[in-house]
C-alpha cells in the first residue's frame, strides 16, 4: 500500500506540473522554482512532513521534497548553530542531492554529444 500512495502522490505532483506547462505561459524553470519554494514554505510551516510520512518517496523525491529538505536543514542548523545556521543549514541538508545532480550532469556531459541546431 505504501508503494501505491507514493505513486499516487508523486504522480499528482507531476501532473500538476504538466498542467502548468500545458495551460499556462510559465516556463519549466519558473515551475521548478515554484515547486522548490512551495516545498520550502510548506516545510517551514511543518505542513509537508506529514505528507512525506504518508507518501514516502512520492513526496520526498520531487522538487517540493527538495525544498522541504532545505527548510528542515535550516531549522535544525538554527537550533544548533544559531543565526549562522540560516546560511549553512540548507546546503548541509541538501548536499547529497546537489552532489548527485552535479555528478550525473557531468557523466551525461561526458557521455553525450550535443548537436548543433
PDB file of N, CA and C in Angstrom:
ATOM      1  N   UNK A   1       0.822  -1.193   0.000  1.00  0.00           N
ATOM      2  CA  UNK A   1       0.000   0.000   0.000  1.00  0.00           C
ATOM      3  C   UNK A   1       0.863   1.252   0.000  1.00  0.00           C
ATOM      4  N   UNK A   2       2.055   1.172   0.643  1.00  0.00           N
ATOM      5  CA  UNK A   2       2.950   2.325   0.667  1.00  0.00           C
ATOM      6  C   UNK A   2       3.373   2.719  -0.747  1.00  0.00           C
ATOM      7  N   UNK A   3       3.655   1.714  -1.570  1.00  0.00           N
ATOM      8  CA  UNK A   3       4.074   1.995  -2.944  1.00  0.00           C
ATOM      9  C   UNK A   3       2.960   2.658  -3.738  1.00  0.00           C
ATOM     10  N   UNK A   4       1.744   2.229  -3.500  1.00  0.00           N
ATOM     11  CA  UNK A   4       0.610   2.811  -4.202  1.00  0.00           C
ATOM     12  C   UNK A   4       0.458   4.287  -3.857  1.00  0.00           C
ATOM     13  N   UNK A   5       0.527   4.620  -2.553  1.00  0.00           N
ATOM     14  CA  UNK A   5       0.389   6.018  -2.148  1.00  0.00           C
ATOM     15  C   UNK A   5       1.567   6.859  -2.647  1.00  0.00           C
ATOM     16  N   UNK A   6       2.758   6.294  -2.649  1.00  0.00           N
ATOM     17  CA  UNK A   6       3.913   7.024  -3.185  1.00  0.00           C
ATOM     18  C   UNK A   6       3.701   7.330  -4.661  1.00  0.00           C
ATOM     19  N   UNK A   7       3.200   6.327  -5.394  1.00  0.00           N
ATOM     20  CA  UNK A   7       2.939   6.514  -6.817  1.00  0.00           C
ATOM     21  C   UNK A   7       1.848   7.559  -7.046  1.00  0.00           C
ATOM     22  N   UNK A   8       0.793   7.515  -6.271  1.00  0.00           N
ATOM     23  CA  UNK A   8      -0.329   8.446  -6.460  1.00  0.00           C
ATOM     24  C   UNK A   8       0.094   9.876  -6.119  1.00  0.00           C
ATOM     25  N   UNK A   9       0.722  10.072  -4.970  1.00  0.00           N
ATOM     26  CA  UNK A   9       1.109  11.422  -4.554  1.00  0.00           C
ATOM     27  C   UNK A   9       2.179  11.987  -5.483  1.00  0.00           C
ATOM     28  N   UNK A  10       3.194  11.197  -5.799  1.00  0.00           N
ATOM     29  CA  UNK A  10       4.223  11.648  -6.735  1.00  0.00           C
ATOM     30  C   UNK A  10       3.641  11.944  -8.107  1.00  0.00           C
ATOM     31  N   UNK A  11       2.722  11.093  -8.546  1.00  0.00           N
ATOM     32  CA  UNK A  11       2.067  11.315  -9.838  1.00  0.00           C
ATOM     33  C   UNK A  11       1.226  12.574  -9.852  1.00  0.00           C
ATOM     34  N   UNK A  12       0.546  12.857  -8.740  1.00  0.00           N
ATOM     35  CA  UNK A  12      -0.251  14.095  -8.661  1.00  0.00           C
ATOM     36  C   UNK A  12       0.628  15.336  -8.725  1.00  0.00           C
ATOM     37  N   UNK A  13       1.763  15.288  -8.022  1.00  0.00           N
ATOM     38  CA  UNK A  13       2.684  16.432  -8.082  1.00  0.00           C
ATOM     39  C   UNK A  13       3.203  16.646  -9.512  1.00  0.00           C
ATOM     40  N   UNK A  14       3.523  15.564 -10.185  1.00  0.00           N
ATOM     41  CA  UNK A  14       3.984  15.665 -11.571  1.00  0.00           C
ATOM     42  C   UNK A  14       2.862  16.104 -12.508  1.00  0.00           C
ATOM     43  N   UNK A  15       1.654  15.631 -12.269  1.00  0.00           N
ATOM     44  CA  UNK A  15       0.514  16.012 -13.109  1.00  0.00           C
ATOM     45  C   UNK A  15       0.224  17.508 -12.987  1.00  0.00           C
ATOM     46  N   UNK A  16       0.332  18.041 -11.778  1.00  0.00           N
ATOM     47  CA  UNK A  16       0.136  19.488 -11.604  1.00  0.00           C
ATOM     48  C   UNK A  16       1.191  20.260 -12.388  1.00  0.00           C
ATOM     49  N   UNK A  17       2.427  19.800 -12.336  1.00  0.00           N
ATOM     50  CA  UNK A  17       3.484  20.440 -13.118  1.00  0.00           C
ATOM     51  C   UNK A  17       3.206  20.382 -14.610  1.00  0.00           C
ATOM     52  N   UNK A  18       2.730  19.244 -15.083  1.00  0.00           N
ATOM     53  CA  UNK A  18       2.409  19.108 -16.506  1.00  0.00           C
ATOM     54  C   UNK A  18       1.255  20.019 -16.891  1.00  0.00           C
ATOM     55  N   UNK A  19       0.251  20.139 -16.037  1.00  0.00           N
ATOM     56  CA  UNK A  19      -0.863  21.055 -16.320  1.00  0.00           C
ATOM     57  C   UNK A  19      -0.378  22.502 -16.374  1.00  0.00           C
ATOM     58  N   UNK A  20       0.551  22.850 -15.493  1.00  0.00           N
ATOM     59  CA  UNK A  20       1.106  24.210 -15.529  1.00  0.00           C
ATOM     60  C   UNK A  20       1.864  24.460 -16.834  1.00  0.00           C
ATOM     61  N   UNK A  21       2.573  23.455 -17.313  1.00  0.00           N
ATOM     62  CA  UNK A  21       3.283  23.602 -18.586  1.00  0.00           C
ATOM     63  C   UNK A  21       2.298  23.737 -19.743  1.00  0.00           C
ATOM     64  N   UNK A  22       1.244  22.906 -19.734  1.00  0.00           N
ATOM     65  CA  UNK A  22       0.309  22.862 -20.856  1.00  0.00           C
ATOM     66  C   UNK A  22      -0.634  24.063 -20.916  1.00  0.00           C
ATOM     67  N   UNK A  23      -1.075  24.547 -19.771  1.00  0.00           N
ATOM     68  CA  UNK A  23      -2.154  25.531 -19.767  1.00  0.00           C
ATOM     69  C   UNK A  23      -1.772  26.916 -19.263  1.00  0.00           C
ATOM     70  N   UNK A  24      -0.520  27.140 -18.961  1.00  0.00           N
ATOM     71  CA  UNK A  24      -0.078  28.483 -18.575  1.00  0.00           C
ATOM     72  C   UNK A  24       1.107  28.870 -19.445  1.00  0.00           C
ATOM     73  N   UNK A  25       1.517  30.088 -19.319  1.00  0.00           N
ATOM     74  CA  UNK A  25       2.692  30.546 -20.051  1.00  0.00           C
ATOM     75  C   UNK A  25       3.952  30.476 -19.200  1.00  0.00           C
ATOM     76  N   UNK A  26       3.870  29.744 -18.079  1.00  0.00           N
ATOM     77  CA  UNK A  26       5.042  29.581 -17.225  1.00  0.00           C
ATOM     78  C   UNK A  26       6.073  28.701 -17.920  1.00  0.00           C
ATOM     79  N   UNK A  27       7.330  29.089 -17.803  1.00  0.00           N
ATOM     80  CA  UNK A  27       8.407  28.273 -18.357  1.00  0.00           C
ATOM     81  C   UNK A  27       8.726  27.143 -17.376  1.00  0.00           C
ATOM     82  N   UNK A  28       9.342  26.074 -17.853  1.00  0.00           N
ATOM     83  CA  UNK A  28       9.720  24.997 -16.944  1.00  0.00           C
ATOM     84  C   UNK A  28      10.616  25.480 -15.791  1.00  0.00           C
ATOM     85  N   UNK A  29      11.478  26.444 -16.052  1.00  0.00           N
ATOM     86  CA  UNK A  29      12.341  26.968 -14.992  1.00  0.00           C
ATOM     87  C   UNK A  29      11.519  27.657 -13.900  1.00  0.00           C
ATOM     88  N   UNK A  30      10.505  28.387 -14.282  1.00  0.00           N
ATOM     89  CA  UNK A  30       9.661  29.056 -13.284  1.00  0.00           C
ATOM     90  C   UNK A  30       8.832  28.045 -12.495  1.00  0.00           C
ATOM     91  N   UNK A  31       8.399  26.989 -13.148  1.00  0.00           N
ATOM     92  CA  UNK A  31       7.661  25.942 -12.447  1.00  0.00           C
ATOM     93  C   UNK A  31       8.581  25.235 -11.461  1.00  0.00           C
ATOM     94  N   UNK A  32       9.814  24.971 -11.863  1.00  0.00           N
ATOM     95  CA  UNK A  32      10.797  24.362 -10.978  1.00  0.00           C
ATOM     96  C   UNK A  32      10.984  25.214  -9.725  1.00  0.00           C
ATOM     97  N   UNK A  33      11.191  26.509  -9.913  1.00  0.00           N
ATOM     98  CA  UNK A  33      11.384  27.407  -8.776  1.00  0.00           C
ATOM     99  C   UNK A  33      10.131  27.455  -7.913  1.00  0.00           C
ATOM    100  N   UNK A  34       8.972  27.457  -8.535  1.00  0.00           N
ATOM    101  CA  UNK A  34       7.710  27.472  -7.781  1.00  0.00           C
ATOM    102  C   UNK A  34       7.584  26.221  -6.915  1.00  0.00           C
ATOM    103  N   UNK A  35       7.927  25.062  -7.458  1.00  0.00           N
ATOM    104  CA  UNK A  35       7.856  23.823  -6.688  1.00  0.00           C
ATOM    105  C   UNK A  35       8.828  23.845  -5.509  1.00  0.00           C
ATOM    106  N   UNK A  36      10.051  24.294  -5.740  1.00  0.00           N
ATOM    107  CA  UNK A  36      11.031  24.328  -4.649  1.00  0.00           C
ATOM    108  C   UNK A  36      10.581  25.304  -3.563  1.00  0.00           C
ATOM    109  N   UNK A  37      10.115  26.486  -3.963  1.00  0.00           N
ATOM    110  CA  UNK A  37       9.658  27.481  -2.986  1.00  0.00           C
ATOM    111  C   UNK A  37       8.429  26.963  -2.237  1.00  0.00           C
ATOM    112  N   UNK A  38       7.530  26.288  -2.943  1.00  0.00           N
ATOM    113  CA  UNK A  38       6.363  25.707  -2.265  1.00  0.00           C
ATOM    114  C   UNK A  38       6.801  24.683  -1.226  1.00  0.00           C
ATOM    115  N   UNK A  39       7.799  23.875  -1.549  1.00  0.00           N
ATOM    116  CA  UNK A  39       8.323  22.909  -0.583  1.00  0.00           C
ATOM    117  C   UNK A  39       8.955  23.581   0.618  1.00  0.00           C
ATOM    118  N   UNK A  40       9.665  24.687   0.381  1.00  0.00           N
ATOM    119  CA  UNK A  40      10.271  25.436   1.486  1.00  0.00           C
ATOM    120  C   UNK A  40       9.183  26.016   2.389  1.00  0.00           C
ATOM    121  N   UNK A  41       8.180  26.640   1.787  1.00  0.00           N
ATOM    122  CA  UNK A  41       7.108  27.264   2.576  1.00  0.00           C
ATOM    123  C   UNK A  41       6.327  26.205   3.356  1.00  0.00           C
ATOM    124  N   UNK A  42       5.945  25.118   2.689  1.00  0.00           N
ATOM    125  CA  UNK A  42       5.213  24.053   3.378  1.00  0.00           C
ATOM    126  C   UNK A  42       6.067  23.395   4.462  1.00  0.00           C
ATOM    127  N   UNK A  43       7.366  23.280   4.200  1.00  0.00           N
ATOM    128  CA  UNK A  43       8.263  22.726   5.210  1.00  0.00           C
ATOM    129  C   UNK A  43       8.463  23.663   6.382  1.00  0.00           C
ATOM    130  N   UNK A  44       8.516  24.962   6.110  1.00  0.00           N
ATOM    131  CA  UNK A  44       8.703  25.947   7.176  1.00  0.00           C
ATOM    132  C   UNK A  44       7.525  25.941   8.135  1.00  0.00           C
ATOM    133  N   UNK A  45       6.327  25.722   7.623  1.00  0.00           N
ATOM    134  CA  UNK A  45       5.137  25.673   8.473  1.00  0.00           C
ATOM    135  C   UNK A  45       4.820  24.251   8.940  1.00  0.00           C
ATOM    136  N   UNK A  46       5.759  23.325   8.685  1.00  0.00           N
ATOM    137  CA  UNK A  46       5.643  21.918   9.097  1.00  0.00           C
ATOM    138  C   UNK A  46       4.380  21.245   8.565  1.00  0.00           C
ATOM    139  N   UNK A  47       4.000  21.611   7.361  1.00  0.00           N
ATOM    140  CA  UNK A  47       2.849  21.000   6.696  1.00  0.00           C
ATOM    141  C   UNK A  47       3.302  19.830   5.816  1.00  0.00           C
ATOM    142  N   UNK A  48       4.512  19.914   5.274  1.00  0.00           N
ATOM    143  CA  UNK A  48       4.971  18.927   4.303  1.00  0.00           C
ATOM    144  C   UNK A  48       5.428  17.621   4.959  1.00  0.00           C
ATOM    145  N   UNK A  49       5.922  17.657   6.189  1.00  0.00           N
ATOM    146  CA  UNK A  49       6.415  16.453   6.867  1.00  0.00           C
ATOM    147  C   UNK A  49       5.340  15.365   6.981  1.00  0.00           C
ATOM    148  N   UNK A  50       4.088  15.683   7.348  1.00  0.00           N
ATOM    149  CA  UNK A  50       3.074  14.611   7.382  1.00  0.00           C
ATOM    150  C   UNK A  50       2.829  13.987   6.003  1.00  0.00           C
ATOM    151  N   UNK A  51       2.952  14.771   4.938  1.00  0.00           N
ATOM    152  CA  UNK A  51       2.793  14.221   3.592  1.00  0.00           C
ATOM    153  C   UNK A  51       3.927  13.254   3.270  1.00  0.00           C
ATOM    154  N   UNK A  52       5.148  13.594   3.674  1.00  0.00           N
ATOM    155  CA  UNK A  52       6.276  12.684   3.459  1.00  0.00           C
ATOM    156  C   UNK A  52       6.097  11.409   4.287  1.00  0.00           C
ATOM    157  N   UNK A  53       5.632  11.549   5.514  1.00  0.00           N
ATOM    158  CA  UNK A  53       5.387  10.370   6.349  1.00  0.00           C
ATOM    159  C   UNK A  53       4.319   9.467   5.740  1.00  0.00           C
ATOM    160  N   UNK A  54       3.338  10.065   5.075  1.00  0.00           N
ATOM    161  CA  UNK A  54       2.251   9.305   4.455  1.00  0.00           C
ATOM    162  C   UNK A  54       2.674   8.686   3.128  1.00  0.00           C
ATOM    163  N   UNK A  55       3.289   9.495   2.246  1.00  0.00           N
ATOM    164  CA  UNK A  55       3.567   9.048   0.881  1.00  0.00           C
ATOM    165  C   UNK A  55       5.009   8.617   0.653  1.00  0.00           C
ATOM    166  N   UNK A  56       5.886   8.807   1.605  1.00  0.00           N
ATOM    167  CA  UNK A  56       7.280   8.378   1.453  1.00  0.00           C
ATOM    168  C   UNK A  56       7.975   9.078   0.306  1.00  0.00           C
ATOM    169  N   UNK A  57       8.604   8.293  -0.560  1.00  0.00           N
ATOM    170  CA  UNK A  57       9.377   8.839  -1.663  1.00  0.00           C
ATOM    171  C   UNK A  57       8.507   9.581  -2.673  1.00  0.00           C
ATOM    172  N   UNK A  58       7.225   9.301  -2.710  1.00  0.00           N
ATOM    173  CA  UNK A  58       6.328  10.015  -3.614  1.00  0.00           C
ATOM    174  C   UNK A  58       6.252  11.489  -3.306  1.00  0.00           C
ATOM    175  N   UNK A  59       6.533  11.871  -2.059  1.00  0.00           N
ATOM    176  CA  UNK A  59       6.549  13.276  -1.676  1.00  0.00           C
ATOM    177  C   UNK A  59       7.961  13.786  -1.426  1.00  0.00           C
ATOM    178  N   UNK A  60       8.888  12.903  -1.063  1.00  0.00           N
ATOM    179  CA  UNK A  60      10.242  13.332  -0.725  1.00  0.00           C
ATOM    180  C   UNK A  60      11.121  13.537  -1.952  1.00  0.00           C
ATOM    181  N   UNK A  61      10.883  12.810  -3.031  1.00  0.00           N
ATOM    182  CA  UNK A  61      11.756  12.868  -4.196  1.00  0.00           C
ATOM    183  C   UNK A  61      11.484  14.062  -5.110  1.00  0.00           C
ATOM    184  N   UNK A  62      10.244  14.467  -5.363  1.00  0.00           N
ATOM    185  CA  UNK A  62      10.024  15.608  -6.258  1.00  0.00           C
ATOM    186  C   UNK A  62      10.636  16.909  -5.727  1.00  0.00           C
ATOM    187  N   UNK A  63      10.587  17.923  -6.519  1.00  0.00           N
ATOM    188  CA  UNK A  63      11.202  19.204  -6.167  1.00  0.00           C
ATOM    189  C   UNK A  63      10.635  19.805  -4.889  1.00  0.00           C
ATOM    190  N   UNK A  64       9.392  19.549  -4.595  1.00  0.00           N
ATOM    191  CA  UNK A  64       8.831  20.049  -3.344  1.00  0.00           C
ATOM    192  C   UNK A  64       9.525  19.396  -2.152  1.00  0.00           C
ATOM    193  N   UNK A  65       9.917  18.155  -2.293  1.00  0.00           N
ATOM    194  CA  UNK A  65      10.665  17.469  -1.247  1.00  0.00           C
ATOM    195  C   UNK A  65      12.050  18.073  -1.056  1.00  0.00           C
ATOM    196  N   UNK A  66      12.671  18.520  -2.144  1.00  0.00           N
ATOM    197  CA  UNK A  66      13.962  19.198  -2.051  1.00  0.00           C
ATOM    198  C   UNK A  66      13.815  20.504  -1.278  1.00  0.00           C
ATOM    199  N   UNK A  67      12.764  21.248  -1.569  1.00  0.00           N
ATOM    200  CA  UNK A  67      12.515  22.481  -0.835  1.00  0.00           C
ATOM    201  C   UNK A  67      12.264  22.214   0.634  1.00  0.00           C
ATOM    202  N   UNK A  68      11.533  21.152   0.922  1.00  0.00           N
ATOM    203  CA  UNK A  68      11.287  20.774   2.309  1.00  0.00           C
ATOM    204  C   UNK A  68      12.593  20.414   3.015  1.00  0.00           C
ATOM    205  N   UNK A  69      13.489  19.701   2.327  1.00  0.00           N
ATOM    206  CA  UNK A  69      14.782  19.352   2.918  1.00  0.00           C
ATOM    207  C   UNK A  69      15.583  20.605   3.243  1.00  0.00           C
ATOM    208  N   UNK A  70      15.520  21.605   2.372  1.00  0.00           N
ATOM    209  CA  UNK A  70      16.198  22.870   2.651  1.00  0.00           C
ATOM    210  C   UNK A  70      15.644  23.522   3.913  1.00  0.00           C
ATOM    211  N   UNK A  71      14.318  23.557   4.025  1.00  0.00           N
ATOM    212  CA  UNK A  71      13.688  24.191   5.192  1.00  0.00           C
ATOM    213  C   UNK A  71      14.024  23.441   6.478  1.00  0.00           C
ATOM    214  N   UNK A  72      13.977  22.111   6.439  1.00  0.00           N
ATOM    215  CA  UNK A  72      14.307  21.333   7.635  1.00  0.00           C
ATOM    216  C   UNK A  72      15.763  21.502   8.023  1.00  0.00           C
ATOM    217  N   UNK A  73      16.647  21.557   7.024  1.00  0.00           N
ATOM    218  CA  UNK A  73      18.069  21.752   7.312  1.00  0.00           C
ATOM    219  C   UNK A  73      18.345  23.092   7.964  1.00  0.00           C
ATOM    220  N   UNK A  74      17.681  24.121   7.487  1.00  0.00           N
ATOM    221  CA  UNK A  74      17.855  25.444   8.088  1.00  0.00           C
ATOM    222  C   UNK A  74      17.320  25.443   9.514  1.00  0.00           C
ATOM    223  N   UNK A  75      16.168  24.848   9.725  1.00  0.00           N
ATOM    224  CA  UNK A  75      15.576  24.806  11.073  1.00  0.00           C
ATOM    225  C   UNK A  75      16.517  24.104  12.059  1.00  0.00           C
ATOM    226  N   UNK A  76      17.058  22.947  11.650  1.00  0.00           N
ATOM    227  CA  UNK A  76      17.958  22.202  12.532  1.00  0.00           C
ATOM    228  C   UNK A  76      19.258  22.951  12.776  1.00  0.00           C
ATOM    229  N   UNK A  77      19.799  23.589  11.738  1.00  0.00           N
ATOM    230  CA  UNK A  77      21.055  24.314  11.891  1.00  0.00           C
ATOM    231  C   UNK A  77      20.888  25.553  12.761  1.00  0.00           C
ATOM    232  N   UNK A  78      19.754  26.196  12.686  1.00  0.00           N
ATOM    233  CA  UNK A  78      19.499  27.347  13.559  1.00  0.00           C
ATOM    234  C   UNK A  78      19.450  26.895  15.008  1.00  0.00           C
ATOM    235  N   UNK A  79      18.856  25.725  15.259  1.00  0.00           N
ATOM    236  CA  UNK A  79      18.795  25.206  16.624  1.00  0.00           C
ATOM    237  C   UNK A  79      20.178  24.901  17.187  1.00  0.00           C
ATOM    238  N   UNK A  80      21.107  24.445  16.340  1.00  0.00           N
ATOM    239  CA  UNK A  80      22.428  24.064  16.831  1.00  0.00           C
ATOM    240  C   UNK A  80      23.470  25.171  16.712  1.00  0.00           C
ATOM    241  N   UNK A  81      23.438  25.951  15.622  1.00  0.00           N
ATOM    242  CA  UNK A  81      24.480  26.944  15.369  1.00  0.00           C
ATOM    243  C   UNK A  81      24.012  28.382  15.529  1.00  0.00           C
ATOM    244  N   UNK A  82      22.747  28.575  15.749  1.00  0.00           N
ATOM    245  CA  UNK A  82      22.229  29.940  15.859  1.00  0.00           C
ATOM    246  C   UNK A  82      22.030  30.560  14.488  1.00  0.00           C
ATOM    247  N   UNK A  83      22.243  31.862  14.408  1.00  0.00           N
ATOM    248  CA  UNK A  83      21.966  32.602  13.171  1.00  0.00           C
ATOM    249  C   UNK A  83      22.798  32.107  11.989  1.00  0.00           C
ATOM    250  N   UNK A  84      23.994  31.608  12.247  1.00  0.00           N
ATOM    251  CA  UNK A  84      24.839  31.096  11.167  1.00  0.00           C
ATOM    252  C   UNK A  84      24.169  29.932  10.438  1.00  0.00           C
ATOM    253  N   UNK A  85      23.287  29.226  11.119  1.00  0.00           N
ATOM    254  CA  UNK A  85      22.574  28.109  10.512  1.00  0.00           C
ATOM    255  C   UNK A  85      21.681  28.512   9.357  1.00  0.00           C
ATOM    256  N   UNK A  86      21.279  29.790   9.294  1.00  0.00           N
ATOM    257  CA  UNK A  86      20.478  30.278   8.168  1.00  0.00           C
ATOM    258  C   UNK A  86      21.256  30.094   6.868  1.00  0.00           C
ATOM    259  N   UNK A  87      22.559  30.280   6.927  1.00  0.00           N
ATOM    260  CA  UNK A  87      23.384  30.222   5.719  1.00  0.00           C
ATOM    261  C   UNK A  87      23.930  28.828   5.424  1.00  0.00           C
ATOM    262  N   UNK A  88      24.076  27.996   6.442  1.00  0.00           N
ATOM    263  CA  UNK A  88      24.709  26.688   6.236  1.00  0.00           C
ATOM    264  C   UNK A  88      23.741  25.508   6.252  1.00  0.00           C
ATOM    265  N   UNK A  89      22.598  25.653   6.900  1.00  0.00           N
ATOM    266  CA  UNK A  89      21.701  24.521   7.110  1.00  0.00           C
ATOM    267  C   UNK A  89      21.116  23.935   5.849  1.00  0.00           C
ATOM    268  N   UNK A  90      20.669  24.784   4.924  1.00  0.00           N
ATOM    269  CA  UNK A  90      20.046  24.279   3.702  1.00  0.00           C
ATOM    270  C   UNK A  90      21.007  23.492   2.845  1.00  0.00           C
ATOM    271  N   UNK A  91      22.214  24.007   2.699  1.00  0.00           N
ATOM    272  CA  UNK A  91      23.199  23.296   1.879  1.00  0.00           C
ATOM    273  C   UNK A  91      23.648  22.003   2.529  1.00  0.00           C
ATOM    274  N   UNK A  92      23.767  22.002   3.842  1.00  0.00           N
ATOM    275  CA  UNK A  92      24.151  20.763   4.533  1.00  0.00           C
ATOM    276  C   UNK A  92      23.085  19.691   4.366  1.00  0.00           C
ATOM    277  N   UNK A  93      21.832  20.072   4.477  1.00  0.00           N
ATOM    278  CA  UNK A  93      20.748  19.098   4.383  1.00  0.00           C
ATOM    279  C   UNK A  93      20.562  18.568   2.972  1.00  0.00           C
ATOM    280  N   UNK A  94      20.817  19.395   1.982  1.00  0.00           N
ATOM    281  CA  UNK A  94      20.570  19.005   0.598  1.00  0.00           C
ATOM    282  C   UNK A  94      21.854  18.647  -0.155  1.00  0.00           C
ATOM    283  N   UNK A  95      22.961  18.503   0.561  1.00  0.00           N
ATOM    284  CA  UNK A  95      24.246  18.289  -0.108  1.00  0.00           C
ATOM    285  C   UNK A  95      24.284  17.001  -0.929  1.00  0.00           C
ATOM    286  N   UNK A  96      23.653  15.946  -0.463  1.00  0.00           N
ATOM    287  CA  UNK A  96      23.665  14.688  -1.223  1.00  0.00           C
ATOM    288  C   UNK A  96      22.935  14.847  -2.552  1.00  0.00           C
ATOM    289  N   UNK A  97      21.776  15.505  -2.538  1.00  0.00           N
ATOM    290  CA  UNK A  97      21.032  15.722  -3.778  1.00  0.00           C
ATOM    291  C   UNK A  97      21.758  16.640  -4.738  1.00  0.00           C
ATOM    292  N   UNK A  98      22.371  17.682  -4.214  1.00  0.00           N
ATOM    293  CA  UNK A  98      23.119  18.619  -5.058  1.00  0.00           C
ATOM    294  C   UNK A  98      24.320  17.908  -5.681  1.00  0.00           C
ATOM    295  N   UNK A  99      25.029  17.119  -4.882  1.00  0.00           N
ATOM    296  CA  UNK A  99      26.192  16.394  -5.392  1.00  0.00           C
ATOM    297  C   UNK A  99      25.779  15.383  -6.457  1.00  0.00           C
ATOM    298  N   UNK A 100      24.691  14.666  -6.221  1.00  0.00           N
ATOM    299  CA  UNK A 100      24.227  13.689  -7.203  1.00  0.00           C
ATOM    300  C   UNK A 100      23.864  14.371  -8.516  1.00  0.00           C
ATOM    301  N   UNK A 101      23.197  15.509  -8.445  1.00  0.00           N
ATOM    302  CA  UNK A 101      22.840  16.237  -9.666  1.00  0.00           C
ATOM    303  C   UNK A 101      24.087  16.673 -10.435  1.00  0.00           C
ATOM    304  N   UNK A 102      25.091  17.135  -9.712  1.00  0.00           N
ATOM    305  CA  UNK A 102      26.324  17.573 -10.374  1.00  0.00           C
ATOM    306  C   UNK A 102      27.079  16.399 -10.996  1.00  0.00           C
ATOM    307  N   UNK A 103      27.173  15.289 -10.274  1.00  0.00           N
ATOM    308  CA  UNK A 103      27.910  14.126 -10.782  1.00  0.00           C
ATOM    309  C   UNK A 103      27.210  13.538 -12.000  1.00  0.00           C
ATOM    310  N   UNK A 104      25.900  13.344 -11.920  1.00  0.00           N
ATOM    311  CA  UNK A 104      25.188  12.777 -13.064  1.00  0.00           C
ATOM    312  C   UNK A 104      25.166  13.747 -14.244  1.00  0.00           C
ATOM    313  N   UNK A 105      25.129  15.044 -13.983  1.00  0.00           N
ATOM    314  CA  UNK A 105      25.233  16.028 -15.055  1.00  0.00           C
ATOM    315  C   UNK A 105      26.580  15.941 -15.749  1.00  0.00           C
ATOM    316  N   UNK A 106      27.640  15.768 -14.963  1.00  0.00           N
ATOM    317  CA  UNK A 106      28.975  15.608 -15.539  1.00  0.00           C
ATOM    318  C   UNK A 106      29.067  14.342 -16.372  1.00  0.00           C
ATOM    319  N   UNK A 107      28.534  13.243 -15.849  1.00  0.00           N
ATOM    320  CA  UNK A 107      28.560  11.979 -16.594  1.00  0.00           C
ATOM    321  C   UNK A 107      27.808  12.115 -17.909  1.00  0.00           C
ATOM    322  N   UNK A 108      26.628  12.731 -17.882  1.00  0.00           N
ATOM    323  CA  UNK A 108      25.872  12.920 -19.113  1.00  0.00           C
ATOM    324  C   UNK A 108      26.603  13.851 -20.085  1.00  0.00           C
ATOM    325  N   UNK A 109      27.257  14.876 -19.548  1.00  0.00           N
ATOM    326  CA  UNK A 109      28.026  15.789 -20.407  1.00  0.00           C
ATOM    327  C   UNK A 109      29.188  15.109 -21.096  1.00  0.00           C
ATOM    328  N   UNK A 110      29.816  14.160 -20.407  1.00  0.00           N
ATOM    329  CA  UNK A 110      30.949  13.444 -20.976  1.00  0.00           C
ATOM    330  C   UNK A 110      30.476  12.372 -21.962  1.00  0.00           C
ATOM    331  N   UNK A 111      29.387  11.688 -21.635  1.00  0.00           N
ATOM    332  CA  UNK A 111      28.924  10.556 -22.461  1.00  0.00           C
ATOM    333  C   UNK A 111      28.116  10.987 -23.676  1.00  0.00           C
ATOM    334  N   UNK A 112      27.445  12.107 -23.612  1.00  0.00           N
ATOM    335  CA  UNK A 112      26.543  12.509 -24.695  1.00  0.00           C
ATOM    336  C   UNK A 112      27.173  13.626 -25.504  1.00  0.00           C
ATOM    337  N   UNK A 113      26.824  13.669 -26.771  1.00  0.00           N
ATOM    338  CA  UNK A 113      27.372  14.661 -27.675  1.00  0.00           C
ATOM    339  C   UNK A 113      26.242  15.627 -28.044  1.00  0.00           C
ATOM    340  N   UNK A 114      26.490  16.914 -27.895  1.00  0.00           N
ATOM    341  CA  UNK A 114      25.465  17.891 -28.263  1.00  0.00           C
ATOM    342  C   UNK A 114      25.444  18.084 -29.770  1.00  0.00           C
ATOM    343  N   UNK A 115      24.279  18.466 -30.264  1.00  0.00           N
ATOM    344  CA  UNK A 115      24.115  18.670 -31.699  1.00  0.00           C
ATOM    345  C   UNK A 115      23.838  20.135 -31.962  1.00  0.00           C
ATOM    346  N   UNK A 116      24.355  20.629 -33.061  1.00  0.00           N
ATOM    347  CA  UNK A 116      24.052  21.997 -33.472  1.00  0.00           C
ATOM    348  C   UNK A 116      22.647  22.032 -34.063  1.00  0.00           C
ATOM    349  N   UNK A 117      21.942  23.140 -33.826  1.00  0.00           N
ATOM    350  CA  UNK A 117      20.594  23.250 -34.369  1.00  0.00           C
ATOM    351  C   UNK A 117      20.615  23.830 -35.754  1.00  0.00           C
TER     352      UNK A 117
END
